C-alpha atoms as a PDB file:
ATOM      1  CA  UNK A   1      87.189  33.867 -32.319  1.00  0.00           C
ATOM      2  CA  UNK A   2      85.297  35.533 -29.519  1.00  0.00           C
ATOM      3  CA  UNK A   3      82.196  34.608 -27.139  1.00  0.00           C
ATOM      4  CA  UNK A   4      80.199  36.430 -24.880  1.00  0.00           C
ATOM      5  CA  UNK A   5      80.853  34.821 -21.027  1.00  0.00           C
ATOM      6  CA  UNK A   6      78.108  34.445 -18.612  1.00  0.00           C
ATOM      7  CA  UNK A   7      78.657  34.658 -14.673  1.00  0.00           C
ATOM      8  CA  UNK A   8      77.028  32.100 -12.675  1.00  0.00           C
ATOM      9  CA  UNK A   9      74.570  34.349 -11.797  1.00  0.00           C
ATOM     10  CA  UNK A  10      72.539  36.807 -13.765  1.00  0.00           C
ATOM     11  CA  UNK A  11      73.223  39.571 -11.659  1.00  0.00           C
ATOM     12  CA  UNK A  12      77.236  39.250 -12.348  1.00  0.00           C
ATOM     13  CA  UNK A  13      76.524  40.309 -15.862  1.00  0.00           C
ATOM     14  CA  UNK A  14      77.887  39.298 -19.154  1.00  0.00           C
ATOM     15  CA  UNK A  15      81.824  39.754 -20.176  1.00  0.00           C
ATOM     16  CA  UNK A  16      81.528  40.555 -24.150  1.00  0.00           C
ATOM     17  CA  UNK A  17      83.829  39.389 -26.978  1.00  0.00           C
ATOM     18  CA  UNK A  18      86.303  37.282 -24.936  1.00  0.00           C
ATOM     19  CA  UNK A  19      88.870  35.696 -27.275  1.00  0.00           C
ATOM     20  CA  UNK A  20      89.533  31.944 -27.164  1.00  0.00           C
ATOM     21  CA  UNK A  21      93.051  31.560 -27.601  1.00  0.00           C
ATOM     22  CA  UNK A  22      96.075  28.990 -26.998  1.00  0.00           C
ATOM     23  CA  UNK A  23      97.527  29.930 -23.645  1.00  0.00           C
ATOM     24  CA  UNK A  24     101.197  29.079 -22.503  1.00  0.00           C
ATOM     25  CA  UNK A  25     102.308  29.425 -18.808  1.00  0.00           C
ATOM     26  CA  UNK A  26     105.592  28.113 -17.484  1.00  0.00           C
ATOM     27  CA  UNK A  27     105.857  25.693 -14.500  1.00  0.00           C
ATOM     28  CA  UNK A  28     109.333  25.733 -12.728  1.00  0.00           C
ATOM     29  CA  UNK A  29     109.366  22.358 -11.150  1.00  0.00           C
ATOM     30  CA  UNK A  30     111.246  23.111  -7.618  1.00  0.00           C
ATOM     31  CA  UNK A  31     112.376  19.338  -7.444  1.00  0.00           C
ATOM     32  CA  UNK A  32     113.591  18.799 -10.746  1.00  0.00           C
ATOM     33  CA  UNK A  33     114.911  22.144 -11.453  1.00  0.00           C
ATOM     34  CA  UNK A  34     113.218  22.120 -14.491  1.00  0.00           C
ATOM     35  CA  UNK A  35     110.997  24.489 -16.535  1.00  0.00           C
ATOM     36  CA  UNK A  36     107.637  23.330 -18.217  1.00  0.00           C
ATOM     37  CA  UNK A  37     105.489  25.093 -20.772  1.00  0.00           C
ATOM     38  CA  UNK A  38     101.993  24.309 -20.212  1.00  0.00           C
ATOM     39  CA  UNK A  39      99.794  24.789 -23.286  1.00  0.00           C
ATOM     40  CA  UNK A  40      96.153  25.123 -22.824  1.00  0.00           C
ATOM     41  CA  UNK A  41      94.328  25.398 -25.983  1.00  0.00           C
ATOM     42  CA  UNK A  42      90.726  26.982 -26.500  1.00  0.00           C
ATOM     43  CA  UNK A  43      91.512  28.973 -23.357  1.00  0.00           C
ATOM     44  CA  UNK A  44      89.312  32.024 -22.572  1.00  0.00           C
ATOM     45  CA  UNK A  45      91.556  35.072 -22.460  1.00  0.00           C
ATOM     46  CA  UNK A  46      90.400  37.720 -19.892  1.00  0.00           C
ATOM     47  CA  UNK A  47      93.131  40.389 -19.385  1.00  0.00           C
ATOM     48  CA  UNK A  48      91.250  41.608 -16.041  1.00  0.00           C
ATOM     49  CA  UNK A  49      91.856  38.272 -14.448  1.00  0.00           C
ATOM     50  CA  UNK A  50      95.064  37.525 -12.445  1.00  0.00           C
ATOM     51  CA  UNK A  51      94.811  33.885 -11.935  1.00  0.00           C
ATOM     52  CA  UNK A  52      94.240  31.437 -14.322  1.00  0.00           C
ATOM     53  CA  UNK A  53      91.273  29.133 -13.926  1.00  0.00           C
ATOM     54  CA  UNK A  54      91.669  25.351 -15.154  1.00  0.00           C
ATOM     55  CA  UNK A  55      88.754  23.138 -16.137  1.00  0.00           C
ATOM     56  CA  UNK A  56      89.637  19.658 -14.981  1.00  0.00           C
ATOM     57  CA  UNK A  57      87.253  17.828 -17.206  1.00  0.00           C
ATOM     58  CA  UNK A  58      88.798  19.536 -20.304  1.00  0.00           C
ATOM     59  CA  UNK A  59      92.341  18.452 -19.138  1.00  0.00           C
ATOM     60  CA  UNK A  60      91.008  14.872 -18.643  1.00  0.00           C
ATOM     61  CA  UNK A  61      89.952  14.940 -21.687  1.00  0.00           C
ATOM     62  CA  UNK A  62      93.814  15.090 -23.270  1.00  0.00           C
ATOM     63  CA  UNK A  63      94.287  12.038 -20.763  1.00  0.00           C
ATOM     64  CA  UNK A  64      95.841  14.468 -18.025  1.00  0.00           C
ATOM     65  CA  UNK A  65      95.122  13.094 -14.546  1.00  0.00           C
ATOM     66  CA  UNK A  66      93.469  15.754 -12.196  1.00  0.00           C
ATOM     67  CA  UNK A  67      92.813  14.317  -8.771  1.00  0.00           C
ATOM     68  CA  UNK A  68      91.782  17.385  -6.754  1.00  0.00           C
ATOM     69  CA  UNK A  69      90.862  15.696  -3.081  1.00  0.00           C
ATOM     70  CA  UNK A  70      93.445  17.370  -0.700  1.00  0.00           C
ATOM     71  CA  UNK A  71      95.402  14.877   1.007  1.00  0.00           C
ATOM     72  CA  UNK A  72      93.868  16.170   4.361  1.00  0.00           C
ATOM     73  CA  UNK A  73      90.689  14.902   3.028  1.00  0.00           C
ATOM     74  CA  UNK A  74      91.724  11.428   2.105  1.00  0.00           C
ATOM     75  CA  UNK A  75      91.880   8.198   4.242  1.00  0.00           C
ATOM     76  CA  UNK A  76      95.653   7.523   5.381  1.00  0.00           C
ATOM     77  CA  UNK A  77      95.911   4.254   3.077  1.00  0.00           C
ATOM     78  CA  UNK A  78      94.638   6.566  -0.001  1.00  0.00           C
ATOM     79  CA  UNK A  79      97.562   8.863   0.199  1.00  0.00           C
ATOM     80  CA  UNK A  80     100.418   8.804  -2.367  1.00  0.00           C
ATOM     81  CA  UNK A  81     102.729  10.641  -4.598  1.00  0.00           C
ATOM     82  CA  UNK A  82      99.962  11.488  -7.204  1.00  0.00           C
ATOM     83  CA  UNK A  83      97.561  12.232  -4.808  1.00  0.00           C
ATOM     84  CA  UNK A  84      96.129  16.098  -4.881  1.00  0.00           C
ATOM     85  CA  UNK A  85      98.098  16.351  -7.922  1.00  0.00           C
ATOM     86  CA  UNK A  86      98.033  17.268 -11.659  1.00  0.00           C
ATOM     87  CA  UNK A  87     100.054  14.494 -14.013  1.00  0.00           C
ATOM     88  CA  UNK A  88     100.374  14.845 -17.706  1.00  0.00           C
ATOM     89  CA  UNK A  89     102.611  13.161 -20.626  1.00  0.00           C
ATOM     90  CA  UNK A  90     105.132  15.797 -22.198  1.00  0.00           C
ATOM     91  CA  UNK A  91     106.224  16.226 -25.785  1.00  0.00           C
ATOM     92  CA  UNK A  92     109.264  13.837 -24.787  1.00  0.00           C
ATOM     93  CA  UNK A  93     106.651  10.947 -23.705  1.00  0.00           C
ATOM     94  CA  UNK A  94     107.955  11.725 -20.105  1.00  0.00           C
ATOM     95  CA  UNK A  95     105.769  12.162 -16.921  1.00  0.00           C
ATOM     96  CA  UNK A  96     105.188  15.555 -15.640  1.00  0.00           C
ATOM     97  CA  UNK A  97     104.042  15.567 -11.802  1.00  0.00           C
ATOM     98  CA  UNK A  98     102.518  18.814 -10.461  1.00  0.00           C
ATOM     99  CA  UNK A  99     101.878  18.487  -6.503  1.00  0.00           C
ATOM    100  CA  UNK A 100      98.953  21.154  -5.805  1.00  0.00           C
ATOM    101  CA  UNK A 101      98.913  23.173  -2.671  1.00  0.00           C
ATOM    102  CA  UNK A 102      95.875  24.820  -0.602  1.00  0.00           C
ATOM    103  CA  UNK A 103      95.265  28.129  -0.127  1.00  0.00           C
ATOM    104  CA  UNK A 104      92.164  28.123   1.956  1.00  0.00           C
ATOM    105  CA  UNK A 105      90.326  25.590   0.634  1.00  0.00           C
ATOM    106  CA  UNK A 106      90.989  26.077  -2.771  1.00  0.00           C
ATOM    107  CA  UNK A 107      93.922  23.833  -5.018  1.00  0.00           C
ATOM    108  CA  UNK A 108      96.621  25.721  -6.881  1.00  0.00           C
ATOM    109  CA  UNK A 109      99.889  25.588  -8.320  1.00  0.00           C
ATOM    110  CA  UNK A 110     102.722  28.454  -8.933  1.00  0.00           C
ATOM    111  CA  UNK A 111     103.267  29.492 -12.456  1.00  0.00           C
ATOM    112  CA  UNK A 112     104.732  32.444 -14.019  1.00  0.00           C
ATOM    113  CA  UNK A 113     104.762  34.163 -17.433  1.00  0.00           C
ATOM    114  CA  UNK A 114     107.247  32.482 -19.984  1.00  0.00           C
ATOM    115  CA  UNK A 115     109.700  33.984 -22.344  1.00  0.00           C
ATOM    116  CA  UNK A 116     109.350  33.957 -25.882  1.00  0.00           C
ATOM    117  CA  UNK A 117     112.295  32.025 -26.315  1.00  0.00           C
ATOM    118  CA  UNK A 118     110.910  29.219 -23.762  1.00  0.00           C
ATOM    119  CA  UNK A 119     107.339  29.284 -25.996  1.00  0.00           C
ATOM    120  CA  UNK A 120     109.441  28.864 -29.204  1.00  0.00           C
ATOM    121  CA  UNK A 121     111.860  26.034 -28.040  1.00  0.00           C
ATOM    122  CA  UNK A 122     109.627  23.495 -30.069  1.00  0.00           C
ATOM    123  CA  UNK A 123     112.748  21.272 -29.634  1.00  0.00           C
ATOM    124  CA  UNK A 124     112.547  21.324 -26.096  1.00  0.00           C
ATOM    125  CA  UNK A 125     116.223  22.223 -25.485  1.00  0.00           C
ATOM    126  CA  UNK A 126     116.147  24.340 -22.288  1.00  0.00           C
ATOM    127  CA  UNK A 127     112.474  23.308 -21.303  1.00  0.00           C
ATOM    128  CA  UNK A 128     110.150  20.819 -21.874  1.00  0.00           C
ATOM    129  CA  UNK A 129     106.538  21.590 -23.723  1.00  0.00           C
ATOM    130  CA  UNK A 130     102.944  19.976 -22.604  1.00  0.00           C
ATOM    131  CA  UNK A 131      99.688  20.209 -23.919  1.00  0.00           C
ATOM    132  CA  UNK A 132      97.306  20.175 -21.187  1.00  0.00           C
ATOM    133  CA  UNK A 133      93.898  20.267 -23.100  1.00  0.00           C
ATOM    134  CA  UNK A 134      92.895  19.110 -26.545  1.00  0.00           C
ATOM    135  CA  UNK A 135      93.777  20.748 -29.837  1.00  0.00           C
ATOM    136  CA  UNK A 136      90.810  19.817 -31.256  1.00  0.00           C
ATOM    137  CA  UNK A 137      87.559  22.233 -30.529  1.00  0.00           C
ATOM    138  CA  UNK A 138      85.977  21.990 -27.012  1.00  0.00           C
ATOM    139  CA  UNK A 139      82.327  22.634 -26.321  1.00  0.00           C
ATOM    140  CA  UNK A 140      81.307  22.995 -22.695  1.00  0.00           C
ATOM    141  CA  UNK A 141      77.691  22.293 -23.579  1.00  0.00           C
ATOM    142  CA  UNK A 142      78.202  19.416 -26.045  1.00  0.00           C
ATOM    143  CA  UNK A 143      76.268  16.562 -24.307  1.00  0.00           C
ATOM    144  CA  UNK A 144      78.488  13.660 -25.838  1.00  0.00           C
ATOM    145  CA  UNK A 145      80.364  13.423 -22.389  1.00  0.00           C
ATOM    146  CA  UNK A 146      76.972  13.606 -20.365  1.00  0.00           C
ATOM    147  CA  UNK A 147      75.199  10.691 -22.404  1.00  0.00           C
ATOM    148  CA  UNK A 148      78.447   8.573 -22.060  1.00  0.00           C
ATOM    149  CA  UNK A 149      78.391   9.546 -18.315  1.00  0.00           C
ATOM    150  CA  UNK A 150      74.652   8.086 -17.962  1.00  0.00           C
ATOM    151  CA  UNK A 151      75.366   5.009 -20.068  1.00  0.00           C
ATOM    152  CA  UNK A 152      78.009   4.054 -17.654  1.00  0.00           C
ATOM    153  CA  UNK A 153      76.107   4.588 -14.985  1.00  0.00           C
ATOM    154  CA  UNK A 154      73.266   2.778 -15.891  1.00  0.00           C
ATOM    155  CA  UNK A 155      75.480  -0.140 -16.721  1.00  0.00           C
ATOM    156  CA  UNK A 156      77.063   0.023 -13.474  1.00  0.00           C
ATOM    157  CA  UNK A 157      73.781   0.002 -11.956  1.00  0.00           C
ATOM    158  CA  UNK A 158      72.691  -3.234 -13.921  1.00  0.00           C
ATOM    159  CA  UNK A 159      75.697  -4.957 -13.180  1.00  0.00           C
ATOM    160  CA  UNK A 160      75.091  -3.936  -9.476  1.00  0.00           C
ATOM    161  CA  UNK A 161      71.714  -5.450  -9.687  1.00  0.00           C
ATOM    162  CA  UNK A 162      72.533  -8.307 -11.262  1.00  0.00           C
ATOM    163  CA  UNK A 163      75.332  -8.909  -8.668  1.00  0.00           C
ATOM    164  CA  UNK A 164      72.930  -8.552  -5.897  1.00  0.00           C
ATOM    165  CA  UNK A 165      70.237 -10.857  -7.629  1.00  0.00           C
ATOM    166  CA  UNK A 166      73.252 -13.566  -8.018  1.00  0.00           C
ATOM    167  CA  UNK A 167      74.203 -12.897  -4.157  1.00  0.00           C
ATOM    168  CA  UNK A 168      70.469 -13.745  -3.318  1.00  0.00           C
ATOM    169  CA  UNK A 169      70.315 -16.729  -5.327  1.00  0.00           C
ATOM    170  CA  UNK A 170      73.614 -18.166  -3.830  1.00  0.00           C
ATOM    171  CA  UNK A 171      72.465 -17.678  -0.502  1.00  0.00           C
ATOM    172  CA  UNK A 172      68.719 -18.897  -1.280  1.00  0.00           C
ATOM    173  CA  UNK A 173      70.489 -21.926  -2.851  1.00  0.00           C
ATOM    174  CA  UNK A 174      72.774 -22.602   0.185  1.00  0.00           C
ATOM    175  CA  UNK A 175      69.898 -22.026   2.429  1.00  0.00           C
ATOM    176  CA  UNK A 176      67.748 -24.551   0.835  1.00  0.00           C
ATOM    177  CA  UNK A 177      70.754 -27.072   0.556  1.00  0.00           C
ATOM    178  CA  UNK A 178      71.404 -26.789   4.027  1.00  0.00           C
ATOM    179  CA  UNK A 179      67.245 -27.297   4.948  1.00  0.00           C
ATOM    180  CA  UNK A 180      67.486 -30.593   2.703  1.00  0.00           C
ATOM    181  CA  UNK A 181      70.496 -31.680   4.350  1.00  0.00           C
ATOM    182  CA  UNK A 182      68.767 -31.678   7.778  1.00  0.00           C
ATOM    183  CA  UNK A 183      65.476 -32.912   6.627  1.00  0.00           C
ATOM    184  CA  UNK A 184      67.747 -36.131   5.116  1.00  0.00           C
ATOM    185  CA  UNK A 185      69.519 -36.433   8.427  1.00  0.00           C
ATOM    186  CA  UNK A 186      66.221 -35.986  10.245  1.00  0.00           C
ATOM    187  CA  UNK A 187      64.565 -39.016   8.183  1.00  0.00           C
ATOM    188  CA  UNK A 188      67.698 -41.071   8.514  1.00  0.00           C
ATOM    189  CA  UNK A 189      67.524 -40.650  12.215  1.00  0.00           C
ATOM    190  CA  UNK A 190      64.126 -41.461  12.487  1.00  0.00           C
ATOM    191  CA  UNK A 191      64.591 -44.764  10.600  1.00  0.00           C
ATOM    192  CA  UNK A 192      67.227 -45.930  12.583  1.00  0.00           C
ATOM    193  CA  UNK A 193      65.271 -45.157  15.862  1.00  0.00           C
ATOM    194  CA  UNK A 194      62.328 -47.311  14.402  1.00  0.00           C
ATOM    195  CA  UNK A 195      65.070 -50.048  13.466  1.00  0.00           C
ATOM    196  CA  UNK A 196      66.122 -50.118  17.157  1.00  0.00           C
ATOM    197  CA  UNK A 197      62.553 -50.252  18.390  1.00  0.00           C
ATOM    198  CA  UNK A 198      61.911 -53.396  15.935  1.00  0.00           C
ATOM    199  CA  UNK A 199      65.195 -54.934  17.436  1.00  0.00           C
ATOM    200  CA  UNK A 200      63.873 -54.503  21.161  1.00  0.00           C
ATOM    201  CA  UNK A 201      60.426 -55.622  20.475  1.00  0.00           C
ATOM    202  CA  UNK A 202      61.768 -58.907  19.041  1.00  0.00           C
END
């Protein structure tokens, strides 16, 4: 299957007949000394590009966690091992943690071209396979995700509005109770003063 790919502005023109493929790239974990083969389904194959561009939401649709905020832009108390990282689950149901680096202000991680043997190692003997995007179709123009996002935002706004009303109601009730108690205390003090005055008159 092929599609025509447009740039972010009309002046860049169109790249025609771009193939949609399943791409495999190798990630060598420098800490674990282990190789992972990352499969990206429904990827655009543009031979002239020297770097892979990853779609965070396409990975998130496959339950891959992508936290792209750099450590330097995170408050100290929010930094942890999985900050500025990609976290996925392997075919062996183990966690793959890929810490991201910065080149200028762009997040990246180093990969290489896998060998045929690594790609065909379906038993995960010498390396581990990881599916980074869904195997099902991916349509970036599908409105389902956008509609769900709008519904969730509306629900959250309604919850916030309800919570604010509850807070206002609670504060108002507390003020009214304090005013009632104050009136009762003042009335009681007034009755005592009258009683004292009557006793003094006698």
